[in-house]
C-alpha atoms as a PDB file:
ATOM      1  CA  THR A   1     110.278  78.165 108.621  1.00  0.00           C
ATOM      2  CA  GLU A   2     112.775  77.911 111.366  1.00  0.00           C
ATOM      3  CA  THR A   3     114.688  80.361 109.498  1.00  0.00           C
ATOM      4  CA  PHE A   4     112.854  82.803 107.589  1.00  0.00           C
ATOM      5  CA  SER A   5     109.933  85.001 108.690  1.00  0.00           C
ATOM      6  CA  GLU A   6     108.477  88.159 107.244  1.00  0.00           C
ATOM      7  CA  THR A   7     105.497  90.124 108.354  1.00  0.00           C
ATOM      8  CA  PHE A   8     103.454  91.846 106.600  1.00  0.00           C
ATOM      9  CA  ASP A   9     100.210  93.732 107.110  1.00  0.00           C
ATOM     10  CA  ILE A  10      97.165  92.853 104.556  1.00  0.00           C
ATOM     11  CA  ASP A  11      97.233  95.695 102.746  1.00  0.00           C
ATOM     12  CA  ASP A  12     100.607  95.203 100.885  1.00  0.00           C
ATOM     13  CA  VAL A  13      99.103  91.925  99.872  1.00  0.00           C
ATOM     14  CA  GLU A  14      98.616  92.181  96.428  1.00  0.00           C
ATOM     15  CA  LYS A  15      97.366  89.226  95.035  1.00  0.00           C
ATOM     16  CA  VAL A  16      96.334  85.852  96.420  1.00  0.00           C
ATOM     17  CA  VAL A  17      96.203  83.133  94.532  1.00  0.00           C
ATOM     18  CA  ASP A  18      94.500  79.997  94.369  1.00  0.00           C
ATOM     19  CA  LYS A  19      96.564  76.425  93.297  1.00  0.00           C
ATOM     20  CA  GLY A  20      94.442  74.748  95.512  1.00  0.00           C
ATOM     21  CA  ALA A  21      95.915  72.408  98.586  1.00  0.00           C
ATOM     22  CA  TRP A  22      97.780  75.855  98.842  1.00  0.00           C
ATOM     23  CA  TYR A  23      97.404  79.373  98.293  1.00  0.00           C
ATOM     24  CA  GLN A  24     100.335  81.679  96.500  1.00  0.00           C
ATOM     25  CA  ILE A  25      99.918  85.397  98.071  1.00  0.00           C
ATOM     26  CA  TYR A  26     101.699  88.377  96.626  1.00  0.00           C
ATOM     27  CA  VAL A  27     103.500  91.272  98.342  1.00  0.00           C
ATOM     28  CA  TYR A  28     105.150  92.995  96.528  1.00  0.00           C
ATOM     29  CA  SER A  29     106.379  95.335  98.876  1.00  0.00           C
ATOM     30  CA  THR A  30     108.760  92.737 100.691  1.00  0.00           C
ATOM     31  CA  GLU A  31     112.493  92.453 100.340  1.00  0.00           C
ATOM     32  CA  ASN A  32     112.968  88.576 100.177  1.00  0.00           C
ATOM     33  CA  ALA A  33     110.984  86.542  97.930  1.00  0.00           C
ATOM     34  CA  PRO A  34     108.270  88.098  96.044  1.00  0.00           C
ATOM     35  CA  TYR A  35     105.632  85.731  96.865  1.00  0.00           C
ATOM     36  CA  PHE A  36     104.601  83.283  99.882  1.00  0.00           C
ATOM     37  CA  ALA A  37     102.831  79.775 100.077  1.00  0.00           C
ATOM     38  CA  CYS A  38      99.818  79.437 103.256  1.00  0.00           C
ATOM     39  CA  GLN A  39      99.179  75.346 102.676  1.00  0.00           C
ATOM     40  CA  LYS A  40      95.481  75.359 103.094  1.00  0.00           C
ATOM     41  CA  ASP A  41      95.470  72.069 105.314  1.00  0.00           C
ATOM     42  CA  LEU A  42      98.052  74.421 107.806  1.00  0.00           C
ATOM     43  CA  LEU A  43      95.534  77.162 108.790  1.00  0.00           C
ATOM     44  CA  VAL A  44      94.763  77.281 112.622  1.00  0.00           C
ATOM     45  CA  GLU A  45      92.586  79.914 113.108  1.00  0.00           C
ATOM     46  CA  GLY A  46      89.137  80.493 110.944  1.00  0.00           C
ATOM     47  CA  THR A  47      88.076  78.472 108.374  1.00  0.00           C
ATOM     48  CA  LEU A  48      88.571  79.085 104.916  1.00  0.00           C
ATOM     49  CA  GLU A  49      85.353  81.305 103.644  1.00  0.00           C
ATOM     50  CA  GLU A  50      86.342  83.570 105.660  1.00  0.00           C
ATOM     51  CA  PHE A  51      90.496  83.527 104.845  1.00  0.00           C
ATOM     52  CA  GLU A  52      88.475  83.790 101.375  1.00  0.00           C
ATOM     53  CA  LYS A  53      86.594  86.899 103.000  1.00  0.00           C
ATOM     54  CA  ILE A  54      89.725  88.897 103.336  1.00  0.00           C
ATOM     55  CA  PHE A  55      91.401  88.422 100.203  1.00  0.00           C
ATOM     56  CA  GLU A  56      88.132  88.471  98.225  1.00  0.00           C
ATOM     57  CA  ASP A  57      88.690  91.945  96.017  1.00  0.00           C
ATOM     58  CA  LYS A  58      92.421  89.527  95.857  1.00  0.00           C
ATOM     59  CA  LEU A  59      91.469  86.401  95.101  1.00  0.00           C
ATOM     60  CA  VAL A  60      92.025  84.370  91.567  1.00  0.00           C
ATOM     61  CA  ARG A  61      91.251  80.603  90.938  1.00  0.00           C
ATOM     62  CA  GLU A  62      93.335  79.444  89.435  1.00  0.00           C
ATOM     63  CA  ASP A  63      92.134  77.729  86.669  1.00  0.00           C
ATOM     64  CA  ASP A  64      91.424  81.776  86.717  1.00  0.00           C
ATOM     65  CA  ILE A  65      94.347  82.188  84.764  1.00  0.00           C
END
């Protein structure tokens, strides 16, 4: 958002939940929020397949929960 930003390493991501239109990214090393929302249609670099490949060992489909 315009009033909040947080930076973290990819290695700090604990879990990514595919919520359909967006991803819920859990980063437990942050102090301000337990997770971040990443809206799929707002990704401007790369593809969804590339994004999911980065987090393939941490990606959970909501249907699987």
